[in-house]
Amino acid sequence: MTTSVKTHVVRTNGINMHVAEQGSGPAVILLHGFPDTWYSWRHQIPALAAAGYRVIAPTQRGYGETDRPTNIEAYDVVECTTDIVGLAQELGVESATVVGHDMGAPVAWHCALLRPDLFRACGLVGQPYVARSRKNVTPTDAMKRVVGDKQFYRLYFAEPEKPERDFEQDVEKSFLMSFYSASGAAPQEHRWRYIFDQGETLLDTGTVPERLPDWLTEEDIAYYVETFTKTGFTGGLNWFRCIDRGWERTAFLAGAKILQPTLFIAGDCEPLIQFAATFYERMQEKIPALWGKPLIAGAGHWVHMEKPVEFNRVLLEFLAAQRGG
């Protein structure tokens, strides 16, 4: 019998972090991406708790009920990783598996790289591991070279004020478009375009569905609309504005390998794999103990929400393998 989900606040790395927890046993820390909160893991928390794990799902800095520092520099990957290390320590966790989706994935792999004594295993969802390059080229410059005179979503998100205007002019429309167009439910002609023309805005890059895909409920949409209407999107977007700063602060990790057992999991319609195909195909070169990199059929970017039964089955198999049973 597991306990019910509880939410509370933990002080870590100088901020107040809102955390959802359920269950007891080996710790599993779940890190959401953009734009999201702990609610991203609503299908995983009870399933993992029922299987005998202590599930810890924080809302990361800049989001929801967690603090949202006003200075952009507070959002680089080193600070976000330090949040999770401090969270684990404050909760008395001595060993954990850390799993990150989307922008949570770099935090998860930095946890693994920087504190292998604390994080015994790692899960990456949707975002393939990209080792910090030895080349003296910032991530922003590298992206600009790839897309040329086009716009790339990560560069667009890093611009001042513009992406906030896009997202916040109609929060419900923004979430409907983002969830649907980046999911496996959208036909090819409705799929989200992560590279787009100059003059287009973010809301031009996808489609608002006529009805909700079967993996989303009215309650889900209402949660996201209420949460982000209250908080805005600046905190989450500041993560993108700090990509180069994180790169500068982690020069000592150039070429680093993740040595812990690691699961990569994504939908077979995941746009990040399409863009970063080489990193997906060659992942084992930088993760020698790669446990697997399965793709779930019919799912896109929100794989853990779109196909929770299939996703949970794979994740629980991975966790059981680390547990020895």
C-alpha atoms as a PDB file:
ATOM      1  CA  MET A   1       0.000   0.000   0.000  1.00  0.00           C
ATOM      2  CA  THR A   2       1.451   3.367  -1.033  1.00  0.00           C
ATOM      3  CA  THR A   3       0.736   6.708   0.495  1.00  0.00           C
ATOM      4  CA  SER A   4      -1.186   9.323  -1.459  1.00  0.00           C
ATOM      5  CA  VAL A   5       0.494  12.169  -3.310  1.00  0.00           C
ATOM      6  CA  LYS A   6       1.611  14.952  -1.020  1.00  0.00           C
ATOM      7  CA  THR A   7       2.924  18.362  -1.992  1.00  0.00           C
ATOM      8  CA  HIS A   8       5.237  20.488   0.084  1.00  0.00           C
ATOM      9  CA  VAL A   9       7.981  23.083  -0.215  1.00  0.00           C
ATOM     10  CA  VAL A  10      11.697  22.393   0.122  1.00  0.00           C
ATOM     11  CA  ARG A  11      14.391  25.037   0.505  1.00  0.00           C
ATOM     12  CA  THR A  12      17.254  24.321  -1.894  1.00  0.00           C
ATOM     13  CA  ASN A  13      20.011  26.405  -3.475  1.00  0.00           C
ATOM     14  CA  GLY A  14      18.483  29.622  -2.191  1.00  0.00           C
ATOM     15  CA  ILE A  15      14.967  29.057  -3.565  1.00  0.00           C
ATOM     16  CA  ASN A  16      11.709  27.537  -2.368  1.00  0.00           C
ATOM     17  CA  MET A  17      10.895  24.516  -4.527  1.00  0.00           C
ATOM     18  CA  HIS A  18       7.422  23.001  -4.752  1.00  0.00           C
ATOM     19  CA  VAL A  19       7.561  19.200  -4.713  1.00  0.00           C
ATOM     20  CA  ALA A  20       5.068  16.374  -5.227  1.00  0.00           C
ATOM     21  CA  GLU A  21       5.870  13.046  -3.572  1.00  0.00           C
ATOM     22  CA  GLN A  22       4.354   9.603  -3.309  1.00  0.00           C
ATOM     23  CA  GLY A  23       5.465   6.168  -2.163  1.00  0.00           C
ATOM     24  CA  SER A  24       8.434   4.718  -0.349  1.00  0.00           C
ATOM     25  CA  GLY A  25      11.471   2.722  -1.408  1.00  0.00           C
ATOM     26  CA  PRO A  26      14.339   3.557  -3.788  1.00  0.00           C
ATOM     27  CA  ALA A  27      14.111   7.200  -4.833  1.00  0.00           C
ATOM     28  CA  VAL A  28      13.191   8.288  -8.363  1.00  0.00           C
ATOM     29  CA  ILE A  29      13.379  12.015  -9.124  1.00  0.00           C
ATOM     30  CA  LEU A  30      11.316  13.168 -12.132  1.00  0.00           C
ATOM     31  CA  LEU A  31      12.236  16.456 -13.831  1.00  0.00           C
ATOM     32  CA  HIS A  32       9.766  18.151 -16.175  1.00  0.00           C
ATOM     33  CA  GLY A  33      10.554  20.244 -19.231  1.00  0.00           C
ATOM     34  CA  PHE A  34       9.114  23.358 -20.893  1.00  0.00           C
ATOM     35  CA  PRO A  35       6.433  24.568 -20.405  1.00  0.00           C
ATOM     36  CA  ASP A  36       5.376  22.335 -17.533  1.00  0.00           C
ATOM     37  CA  THR A  37       5.363  21.535 -13.807  1.00  0.00           C
ATOM     38  CA  TRP A  38       5.344  18.385 -11.657  1.00  0.00           C
ATOM     39  CA  TYR A  39       1.912  17.713 -13.220  1.00  0.00           C
ATOM     40  CA  SER A  40       3.735  16.464 -16.312  1.00  0.00           C
ATOM     41  CA  TRP A  41       4.323  13.209 -14.394  1.00  0.00           C
ATOM     42  CA  ARG A  42       0.729  12.666 -13.224  1.00  0.00           C
ATOM     43  CA  HIS A  43       0.602   9.238 -14.915  1.00  0.00           C
ATOM     44  CA  GLN A  44       4.002   8.109 -13.627  1.00  0.00           C
ATOM     45  CA  ILE A  45       3.849   9.128  -9.964  1.00  0.00           C
ATOM     46  CA  PRO A  46       1.149   6.663  -8.834  1.00  0.00           C
ATOM     47  CA  ALA A  47       2.431   3.844 -11.068  1.00  0.00           C
ATOM     48  CA  LEU A  48       5.992   4.064  -9.745  1.00  0.00           C
ATOM     49  CA  ALA A  49       4.812   4.473  -6.162  1.00  0.00           C
ATOM     50  CA  ALA A  50       2.619   1.377  -6.490  1.00  0.00           C
ATOM     51  CA  ALA A  51       5.674  -0.541  -7.730  1.00  0.00           C
ATOM     52  CA  GLY A  52       7.619   0.273  -4.563  1.00  0.00           C
ATOM     53  CA  TYR A  53       9.461   3.503  -5.316  1.00  0.00           C
ATOM     54  CA  ARG A  54       9.649   6.845  -3.587  1.00  0.00           C
ATOM     55  CA  VAL A  55       8.712   9.252  -6.356  1.00  0.00           C
ATOM     56  CA  ILE A  56       9.845  12.870  -6.077  1.00  0.00           C
ATOM     57  CA  ALA A  57       8.590  15.287  -8.739  1.00  0.00           C
ATOM     58  CA  PRO A  58       9.699  18.882  -8.225  1.00  0.00           C
ATOM     59  CA  THR A  59       8.406  21.889 -10.069  1.00  0.00           C
ATOM     60  CA  GLN A  60      11.662  23.385 -11.285  1.00  0.00           C
ATOM     61  CA  ARG A  61      12.792  26.964 -10.826  1.00  0.00           C
ATOM     62  CA  GLY A  62      10.858  29.488 -12.872  1.00  0.00           C
ATOM     63  CA  TYR A  63       7.648  27.465 -12.912  1.00  0.00           C
ATOM     64  CA  GLY A  64       4.408  27.183 -10.973  1.00  0.00           C
ATOM     65  CA  GLU A  65       4.609  27.480  -7.205  1.00  0.00           C
ATOM     66  CA  THR A  66       8.407  27.257  -7.150  1.00  0.00           C
ATOM     67  CA  ASP A  67      10.334  30.523  -6.890  1.00  0.00           C
ATOM     68  CA  ARG A  68      10.939  32.436 -10.102  1.00  0.00           C
ATOM     69  CA  PRO A  69      14.119  34.534  -9.738  1.00  0.00           C
ATOM     70  CA  THR A  70      14.048  37.749 -11.745  1.00  0.00           C
ATOM     71  CA  ASN A  71      17.676  37.675 -12.923  1.00  0.00           C
ATOM     72  CA  ILE A  72      18.161  35.678 -16.116  1.00  0.00           C
ATOM     73  CA  GLU A  73      21.560  34.375 -14.965  1.00  0.00           C
ATOM     74  CA  ALA A  74      19.794  32.330 -12.279  1.00  0.00           C
ATOM     75  CA  TYR A  75      18.565  29.843 -14.872  1.00  0.00           C
ATOM     76  CA  ASP A  76      21.695  28.236 -16.265  1.00  0.00           C
ATOM     77  CA  VAL A  77      22.056  24.473 -16.093  1.00  0.00           C
ATOM     78  CA  VAL A  78      24.522  24.568 -13.194  1.00  0.00           C
ATOM     79  CA  GLU A  79      22.020  26.392 -10.979  1.00  0.00           C
ATOM     80  CA  CYS A  80      19.176  24.095 -12.043  1.00  0.00           C
ATOM     81  CA  THR A  81      21.326  21.029 -11.328  1.00  0.00           C
ATOM     82  CA  THR A  82      22.337  22.403  -7.946  1.00  0.00           C
ATOM     83  CA  ASP A  83      18.635  22.751  -7.130  1.00  0.00           C
ATOM     84  CA  ILE A  84      18.127  19.016  -7.596  1.00  0.00           C
ATOM     85  CA  VAL A  85      21.248  17.991  -5.694  1.00  0.00           C
ATOM     86  CA  GLY A  86      20.132  20.186  -2.800  1.00  0.00           C
ATOM     87  CA  LEU A  87      16.596  18.842  -3.021  1.00  0.00           C
ATOM     88  CA  ALA A  88      17.815  15.261  -2.721  1.00  0.00           C
ATOM     89  CA  GLN A  89      19.985  16.146   0.248  1.00  0.00           C
ATOM     90  CA  GLU A  90      17.209  18.050   2.027  1.00  0.00           C
ATOM     91  CA  LEU A  91      14.877  15.072   1.597  1.00  0.00           C
ATOM     92  CA  GLY A  92      17.444  12.663   3.009  1.00  0.00           C
ATOM     93  CA  VAL A  93      17.990  10.849  -0.283  1.00  0.00           C
ATOM     94  CA  GLU A  94      21.358   9.101  -0.409  1.00  0.00           C
ATOM     95  CA  SER A  95      20.901   7.435  -3.796  1.00  0.00           C
ATOM     96  CA  ALA A  96      18.431   8.086  -6.609  1.00  0.00           C
ATOM     97  CA  THR A  97      17.572   7.552 -10.241  1.00  0.00           C
ATOM     98  CA  VAL A  98      17.043  10.890 -11.965  1.00  0.00           C
ATOM     99  CA  VAL A  99      14.778  11.141 -15.030  1.00  0.00           C
ATOM    100  CA  GLY A 100      14.366  14.284 -17.123  1.00  0.00           C
ATOM    101  CA  HIS A 101      12.055  15.200 -19.997  1.00  0.00           C
ATOM    102  CA  ASP A 102      12.818  17.895 -22.575  1.00  0.00           C
ATOM    103  CA  MET A 103      14.730  20.711 -20.815  1.00  0.00           C
ATOM    104  CA  GLY A 104      14.736  18.527 -17.716  1.00  0.00           C
ATOM    105  CA  ALA A 105      16.972  16.036 -19.538  1.00  0.00           C
ATOM    106  CA  PRO A 106      20.119  18.232 -19.463  1.00  0.00           C
ATOM    107  CA  VAL A 107      19.558  18.740 -15.742  1.00  0.00           C
ATOM    108  CA  ALA A 108      19.273  14.975 -15.301  1.00  0.00           C
ATOM    109  CA  TRP A 109      22.483  14.257 -17.208  1.00  0.00           C
ATOM    110  CA  HIS A 110      24.370  16.999 -15.365  1.00  0.00           C
ATOM    111  CA  CYS A 111      23.188  15.444 -12.095  1.00  0.00           C
ATOM    112  CA  ALA A 112      24.642  12.152 -13.315  1.00  0.00           C
ATOM    113  CA  LEU A 113      27.894  13.715 -14.517  1.00  0.00           C
ATOM    114  CA  LEU A 114      28.533  15.875 -11.463  1.00  0.00           C
ATOM    115  CA  ARG A 115      27.266  13.668  -8.633  1.00  0.00           C
ATOM    116  CA  PRO A 116      27.634   9.996  -9.597  1.00  0.00           C
ATOM    117  CA  ASP A 117      27.762   9.142  -5.896  1.00  0.00           C
ATOM    118  CA  LEU A 118      24.207  10.439  -5.477  1.00  0.00           C
ATOM    119  CA  PHE A 119      22.580   9.588  -8.814  1.00  0.00           C
ATOM    120  CA  ARG A 120      23.068   5.883  -9.510  1.00  0.00           C
ATOM    121  CA  ALA A 121      21.080   5.807 -12.769  1.00  0.00           C
ATOM    122  CA  CYS A 122      19.700   8.266 -15.297  1.00  0.00           C
ATOM    123  CA  GLY A 123      16.736   8.495 -17.628  1.00  0.00           C
ATOM    124  CA  LEU A 124      16.477  10.882 -20.578  1.00  0.00           C
ATOM    125  CA  VAL A 125      13.079  11.451 -22.194  1.00  0.00           C
ATOM    126  CA  GLY A 126      12.889  12.929 -25.679  1.00  0.00           C
ATOM    127  CA  GLN A 127      16.176  14.838 -25.512  1.00  0.00           C
ATOM    128  CA  PRO A 128      19.242  12.806 -26.580  1.00  0.00           C
ATOM    129  CA  TYR A 129      22.434  13.317 -24.610  1.00  0.00           C
ATOM    130  CA  VAL A 130      24.570  16.030 -26.168  1.00  0.00           C
ATOM    131  CA  ALA A 131      28.018  16.091 -24.599  1.00  0.00           C
ATOM    132  CA  ARG A 132      29.504  19.529 -24.113  1.00  0.00           C
ATOM    133  CA  SER A 133      31.645  20.178 -27.186  1.00  0.00           C
ATOM    134  CA  ARG A 134      35.383  20.764 -27.011  1.00  0.00           C
ATOM    135  CA  LYS A 135      35.055  23.265 -29.859  1.00  0.00           C
ATOM    136  CA  ASN A 136      35.139  26.939 -28.970  1.00  0.00           C
ATOM    137  CA  VAL A 137      31.699  27.552 -30.469  1.00  0.00           C
ATOM    138  CA  THR A 138      28.776  28.516 -28.268  1.00  0.00           C
ATOM    139  CA  PRO A 139      25.534  26.537 -28.621  1.00  0.00           C
ATOM    140  CA  THR A 140      23.792  29.665 -29.914  1.00  0.00           C
ATOM    141  CA  ASP A 141      26.370  30.147 -32.685  1.00  0.00           C
ATOM    142  CA  ALA A 142      26.236  26.445 -33.553  1.00  0.00           C
ATOM    143  CA  MET A 143      22.446  26.593 -33.935  1.00  0.00           C
ATOM    144  CA  LYS A 144      22.668  29.708 -36.096  1.00  0.00           C
ATOM    145  CA  ARG A 145      25.108  27.963 -38.430  1.00  0.00           C
ATOM    146  CA  VAL A 146      22.735  25.021 -38.859  1.00  0.00           C
ATOM    147  CA  VAL A 147      19.531  26.959 -39.607  1.00  0.00           C
ATOM    148  CA  GLY A 148      21.041  29.793 -41.629  1.00  0.00           C
ATOM    149  CA  ASP A 149      18.492  32.524 -42.407  1.00  0.00           C
ATOM    150  CA  LYS A 150      15.643  30.550 -40.820  1.00  0.00           C
ATOM    151  CA  GLN A 151      14.401  30.784 -37.243  1.00  0.00           C
ATOM    152  CA  PHE A 152      15.025  27.920 -34.811  1.00  0.00           C
ATOM    153  CA  TYR A 153      12.690  27.531 -31.847  1.00  0.00           C
ATOM    154  CA  ARG A 154      15.454  27.530 -29.208  1.00  0.00           C
ATOM    155  CA  LEU A 155      16.886  30.774 -30.546  1.00  0.00           C
ATOM    156  CA  TYR A 156      13.396  32.227 -30.796  1.00  0.00           C
ATOM    157  CA  PHE A 157      12.656  31.306 -27.173  1.00  0.00           C
ATOM    158  CA  ALA A 158      15.852  33.088 -26.121  1.00  0.00           C
ATOM    159  CA  GLU A 159      14.815  36.427 -27.600  1.00  0.00           C
ATOM    160  CA  PRO A 160      13.684  39.087 -25.140  1.00  0.00           C
ATOM    161  CA  GLU A 161       9.918  39.496 -24.683  1.00  0.00           C
ATOM    162  CA  LYS A 162       8.841  38.164 -28.093  1.00  0.00           C
ATOM    163  CA  PRO A 163       8.094  34.549 -27.058  1.00  0.00           C
ATOM    164  CA  GLU A 164       6.224  35.747 -23.959  1.00  0.00           C
ATOM    165  CA  ARG A 165       3.933  37.807 -26.205  1.00  0.00           C
ATOM    166  CA  ASP A 166       3.307  34.737 -28.354  1.00  0.00           C
ATOM    167  CA  PHE A 167       2.491  32.394 -25.503  1.00  0.00           C
ATOM    168  CA  GLU A 168       0.573  34.821 -23.327  1.00  0.00           C
ATOM    169  CA  GLN A 169      -1.748  36.445 -25.870  1.00  0.00           C
ATOM    170  CA  ASP A 170      -3.914  33.300 -25.677  1.00  0.00           C
ATOM    171  CA  VAL A 171      -2.613  30.797 -23.127  1.00  0.00           C
ATOM    172  CA  GLU A 172      -5.204  28.142 -23.932  1.00  0.00           C
ATOM    173  CA  LYS A 173      -4.486  28.321 -27.668  1.00  0.00           C
ATOM    174  CA  SER A 174      -0.750  28.115 -26.963  1.00  0.00           C
ATOM    175  CA  PHE A 175      -1.096  24.895 -24.991  1.00  0.00           C
ATOM    176  CA  LEU A 176      -3.562  23.333 -27.408  1.00  0.00           C
ATOM    177  CA  MET A 177      -1.200  23.995 -30.293  1.00  0.00           C
ATOM    178  CA  SER A 178       1.930  22.903 -28.433  1.00  0.00           C
ATOM    179  CA  PHE A 179       0.477  19.687 -27.040  1.00  0.00           C
ATOM    180  CA  TYR A 180      -1.261  18.628 -30.242  1.00  0.00           C
ATOM    181  CA  SER A 181       1.250  19.647 -32.911  1.00  0.00           C
ATOM    182  CA  ALA A 182       4.255  18.121 -31.120  1.00  0.00           C
ATOM    183  CA  SER A 183       2.389  14.882 -30.404  1.00  0.00           C
ATOM    184  CA  GLY A 184       1.948  11.688 -32.352  1.00  0.00           C
ATOM    185  CA  ALA A 185      -1.765  12.468 -32.689  1.00  0.00           C
ATOM    186  CA  ALA A 186      -1.107  15.159 -35.291  1.00  0.00           C
ATOM    187  CA  PRO A 187      -0.908  14.158 -38.969  1.00  0.00           C
ATOM    188  CA  GLN A 188       2.211  15.259 -40.794  1.00  0.00           C
ATOM    189  CA  GLU A 189       0.608  18.424 -42.137  1.00  0.00           C
ATOM    190  CA  HIS A 190      -0.272  19.548 -38.605  1.00  0.00           C
ATOM    191  CA  ARG A 191       3.093  18.753 -37.019  1.00  0.00           C
ATOM    192  CA  TRP A 192       5.040  21.405 -35.188  1.00  0.00           C
ATOM    193  CA  ARG A 193       7.836  23.052 -37.202  1.00  0.00           C
ATOM    194  CA  TYR A 194      10.890  23.729 -35.042  1.00  0.00           C
ATOM    195  CA  ILE A 195      12.571  25.575 -37.934  1.00  0.00           C
ATOM    196  CA  PHE A 196      10.469  28.308 -39.505  1.00  0.00           C
ATOM    197  CA  ASP A 197      10.662  31.404 -41.688  1.00  0.00           C
ATOM    198  CA  GLN A 198      11.570  34.906 -40.644  1.00  0.00           C
ATOM    199  CA  GLY A 199       8.404  36.840 -39.984  1.00  0.00           C
ATOM    200  CA  GLU A 200       6.535  33.835 -38.633  1.00  0.00           C
ATOM    201  CA  THR A 201       5.643  33.657 -34.970  1.00  0.00           C
ATOM    202  CA  LEU A 202       5.578  30.647 -32.704  1.00  0.00           C
ATOM    203  CA  LEU A 203       1.826  30.208 -33.126  1.00  0.00           C
ATOM    204  CA  ASP A 204       2.340  29.931 -36.897  1.00  0.00           C
ATOM    205  CA  THR A 205       4.421  26.781 -36.442  1.00  0.00           C
ATOM    206  CA  GLY A 206       1.646  24.399 -35.425  1.00  0.00           C
ATOM    207  CA  THR A 207      -2.076  23.704 -35.498  1.00  0.00           C
ATOM    208  CA  VAL A 208      -4.823  24.092 -32.920  1.00  0.00           C
ATOM    209  CA  PRO A 209      -6.874  20.865 -32.954  1.00  0.00           C
ATOM    210  CA  GLU A 210     -10.608  20.865 -33.549  1.00  0.00           C
ATOM    211  CA  ARG A 211     -10.945  18.551 -30.543  1.00  0.00           C
ATOM    212  CA  LEU A 212      -8.586  17.332 -27.864  1.00  0.00           C
ATOM    213  CA  PRO A 213      -6.440  14.290 -28.625  1.00  0.00           C
ATOM    214  CA  ASP A 214      -7.521  11.306 -26.558  1.00  0.00           C
ATOM    215  CA  TRP A 215      -4.533  11.612 -24.201  1.00  0.00           C
ATOM    216  CA  LEU A 216      -5.546  15.101 -23.023  1.00  0.00           C
ATOM    217  CA  THR A 217      -8.551  16.050 -20.905  1.00  0.00           C
ATOM    218  CA  GLU A 218     -10.358  19.320 -20.336  1.00  0.00           C
ATOM    219  CA  GLU A 219      -9.087  19.122 -16.761  1.00  0.00           C
ATOM    220  CA  ASP A 220      -5.488  18.897 -17.989  1.00  0.00           C
ATOM    221  CA  ILE A 221      -5.845  21.952 -20.215  1.00  0.00           C
ATOM    222  CA  ALA A 222      -7.591  23.890 -17.438  1.00  0.00           C
ATOM    223  CA  TYR A 223      -4.675  23.135 -15.095  1.00  0.00           C
ATOM    224  CA  TYR A 224      -2.085  24.446 -17.535  1.00  0.00           C
ATOM    225  CA  VAL A 225      -4.108  27.528 -18.479  1.00  0.00           C
ATOM    226  CA  GLU A 226      -4.713  28.463 -14.849  1.00  0.00           C
ATOM    227  CA  THR A 227      -1.086  27.839 -13.837  1.00  0.00           C
ATOM    228  CA  PHE A 228       0.585  29.737 -16.672  1.00  0.00           C
ATOM    229  CA  THR A 229      -1.949  32.555 -16.723  1.00  0.00           C
ATOM    230  CA  LYS A 230      -0.888  33.154 -13.136  1.00  0.00           C
ATOM    231  CA  THR A 231       2.876  32.774 -13.561  1.00  0.00           C
ATOM    232  CA  GLY A 232       3.540  33.692 -17.170  1.00  0.00           C
ATOM    233  CA  PHE A 233       6.233  31.978 -19.236  1.00  0.00           C
ATOM    234  CA  THR A 234       9.291  34.125 -18.493  1.00  0.00           C
ATOM    235  CA  GLY A 235      10.797  31.777 -15.901  1.00  0.00           C
ATOM    236  CA  GLY A 236      10.748  28.811 -18.268  1.00  0.00           C
ATOM    237  CA  LEU A 237      11.964  30.858 -21.227  1.00  0.00           C
ATOM    238  CA  ASN A 238      14.908  32.125 -19.186  1.00  0.00           C
ATOM    239  CA  TRP A 239      16.304  28.582 -19.309  1.00  0.00           C
ATOM    240  CA  PHE A 240      16.783  29.052 -23.065  1.00  0.00           C
ATOM    241  CA  ARG A 241      18.351  32.467 -22.493  1.00  0.00           C
ATOM    242  CA  CYS A 242      21.013  30.821 -20.331  1.00  0.00           C
ATOM    243  CA  ILE A 243      22.139  28.040 -22.671  1.00  0.00           C
ATOM    244  CA  ASP A 244      25.399  29.816 -23.558  1.00  0.00           C
ATOM    245  CA  ARG A 245      26.036  30.702 -19.908  1.00  0.00           C
ATOM    246  CA  GLY A 246      25.671  27.052 -18.938  1.00  0.00           C
ATOM    247  CA  TRP A 247      28.076  26.100 -21.721  1.00  0.00           C
ATOM    248  CA  GLU A 248      30.622  28.609 -20.421  1.00  0.00           C
ATOM    249  CA  ARG A 249      30.365  27.305 -16.850  1.00  0.00           C
ATOM    250  CA  THR A 250      30.827  23.650 -17.820  1.00  0.00           C
ATOM    251  CA  ALA A 251      33.983  23.755 -19.945  1.00  0.00           C
ATOM    252  CA  PHE A 252      35.460  21.089 -17.652  1.00  0.00           C
ATOM    253  CA  LEU A 253      32.780  18.642 -18.899  1.00  0.00           C
ATOM    254  CA  ALA A 254      33.845  18.816 -22.550  1.00  0.00           C
ATOM    255  CA  GLY A 255      33.457  15.351 -24.040  1.00  0.00           C
ATOM    256  CA  ALA A 256      32.265  13.845 -20.740  1.00  0.00           C
ATOM    257  CA  LYS A 257      30.658  10.406 -20.746  1.00  0.00           C
ATOM    258  CA  ILE A 258      27.716   9.340 -18.603  1.00  0.00           C
ATOM    259  CA  LEU A 259      28.948   6.190 -16.872  1.00  0.00           C
ATOM    260  CA  GLN A 260      25.786   5.222 -14.961  1.00  0.00           C
ATOM    261  CA  PRO A 261      23.160   2.890 -16.441  1.00  0.00           C
ATOM    262  CA  THR A 262      21.011   5.183 -18.576  1.00  0.00           C
ATOM    263  CA  LEU A 263      17.681   4.815 -20.338  1.00  0.00           C
ATOM    264  CA  PHE A 264      16.747   6.963 -23.302  1.00  0.00           C
ATOM    265  CA  ILE A 265      13.089   6.826 -24.258  1.00  0.00           C
ATOM    266  CA  ALA A 266      11.029   8.824 -26.734  1.00  0.00           C
ATOM    267  CA  GLY A 267       8.126   8.633 -29.110  1.00  0.00           C
ATOM    268  CA  ASP A 268       8.854   7.620 -32.678  1.00  0.00           C
ATOM    269  CA  CYS A 269       7.426  11.008 -33.742  1.00  0.00           C
ATOM    270  CA  GLU A 270       9.718  12.972 -31.388  1.00  0.00           C
ATOM    271  CA  PRO A 271      10.828  16.149 -33.219  1.00  0.00           C
ATOM    272  CA  LEU A 272      14.004  16.478 -31.125  1.00  0.00           C
ATOM    273  CA  ILE A 273      15.242  13.136 -32.475  1.00  0.00           C
ATOM    274  CA  GLN A 274      14.596  14.305 -36.008  1.00  0.00           C
ATOM    275  CA  PHE A 275      16.723  17.377 -35.409  1.00  0.00           C
ATOM    276  CA  ALA A 276      19.400  15.580 -33.382  1.00  0.00           C
ATOM    277  CA  ALA A 277      19.430  12.256 -35.229  1.00  0.00           C
ATOM    278  CA  THR A 278      23.206  11.877 -35.076  1.00  0.00           C
ATOM    279  CA  PHE A 279      23.225  12.233 -31.298  1.00  0.00           C
ATOM    280  CA  TYR A 280      20.492   9.607 -31.008  1.00  0.00           C
ATOM    281  CA  GLU A 281      22.212   7.154 -33.325  1.00  0.00           C
ATOM    282  CA  ARG A 282      25.629   7.504 -31.641  1.00  0.00           C
ATOM    283  CA  MET A 283      24.453   7.838 -28.051  1.00  0.00           C
ATOM    284  CA  GLN A 284      26.285   4.765 -26.798  1.00  0.00           C
ATOM    285  CA  GLU A 285      29.623   6.359 -27.652  1.00  0.00           C
ATOM    286  CA  LYS A 286      29.020   8.853 -24.836  1.00  0.00           C
ATOM    287  CA  ILE A 287      26.928   6.533 -22.630  1.00  0.00           C
ATOM    288  CA  PRO A 288      28.801   3.205 -22.435  1.00  0.00           C
ATOM    289  CA  ALA A 289      26.220   1.735 -20.038  1.00  0.00           C
ATOM    290  CA  LEU A 290      23.237   2.714 -22.196  1.00  0.00           C
ATOM    291  CA  TRP A 291      20.456   0.345 -21.114  1.00  0.00           C
ATOM    292  CA  GLY A 292      18.313   1.014 -24.154  1.00  0.00           C
ATOM    293  CA  LYS A 293      16.902   3.724 -26.393  1.00  0.00           C
ATOM    294  CA  PRO A 294      13.397   2.506 -27.293  1.00  0.00           C
ATOM    295  CA  LEU A 295      10.969   4.551 -29.363  1.00  0.00           C
ATOM    296  CA  ILE A 296       7.292   4.206 -28.528  1.00  0.00           C
ATOM    297  CA  ALA A 297       5.099   3.909 -31.598  1.00  0.00           C
ATOM    298  CA  GLY A 298       2.569   6.633 -32.239  1.00  0.00           C
ATOM    299  CA  ALA A 299       3.919   9.057 -29.641  1.00  0.00           C
ATOM    300  CA  GLY A 300       5.585  12.408 -30.043  1.00  0.00           C
ATOM    301  CA  HIS A 301       7.236  14.889 -27.719  1.00  0.00           C
ATOM    302  CA  TRP A 302       4.890  14.263 -24.782  1.00  0.00           C
ATOM    303  CA  VAL A 303       5.483  10.508 -24.797  1.00  0.00           C
ATOM    304  CA  HIS A 304       4.990  10.030 -21.041  1.00  0.00           C
ATOM    305  CA  MET A 305       1.575  11.696 -21.283  1.00  0.00           C
ATOM    306  CA  GLU A 306       0.574  10.323 -24.701  1.00  0.00           C
ATOM    307  CA  LYS A 307       1.392   6.677 -24.041  1.00  0.00           C
ATOM    308  CA  PRO A 308       1.666   6.349 -20.252  1.00  0.00           C
ATOM    309  CA  VAL A 309       1.062   2.587 -20.103  1.00  0.00           C
ATOM    310  CA  GLU A 310       3.822   1.819 -22.594  1.00  0.00           C
ATOM    311  CA  PHE A 311       6.131   4.451 -21.133  1.00  0.00           C
ATOM    312  CA  ASN A 312       5.662   3.233 -17.571  1.00  0.00           C
ATOM    313  CA  ARG A 313       6.310  -0.362 -18.584  1.00  0.00           C
ATOM    314  CA  VAL A 314       9.715   0.539 -20.043  1.00  0.00           C
ATOM    315  CA  LEU A 315      10.655   2.819 -17.159  1.00  0.00           C
ATOM    316  CA  LEU A 316       9.711   0.214 -14.566  1.00  0.00           C
ATOM    317  CA  GLU A 317      11.755  -2.442 -16.395  1.00  0.00           C
ATOM    318  CA  PHE A 318      14.748  -0.115 -16.301  1.00  0.00           C
ATOM    319  CA  LEU A 319      14.257   0.681 -12.621  1.00  0.00           C
ATOM    320  CA  ALA A 320      13.855  -2.999 -11.757  1.00  0.00           C
ATOM    321  CA  ALA A 321      17.107  -3.786 -13.568  1.00  0.00           C
ATOM    322  CA  GLN A 322      18.950  -1.262 -11.395  1.00  0.00           C
ATOM    323  CA  ARG A 323      17.252  -2.652  -8.325  1.00  0.00           C
ATOM    324  CA  GLY A 324      18.331  -6.161  -9.191  1.00  0.00           C
ATOM    325  CA  GLY A 325      14.872  -7.644  -9.663  1.00  0.00           C
END
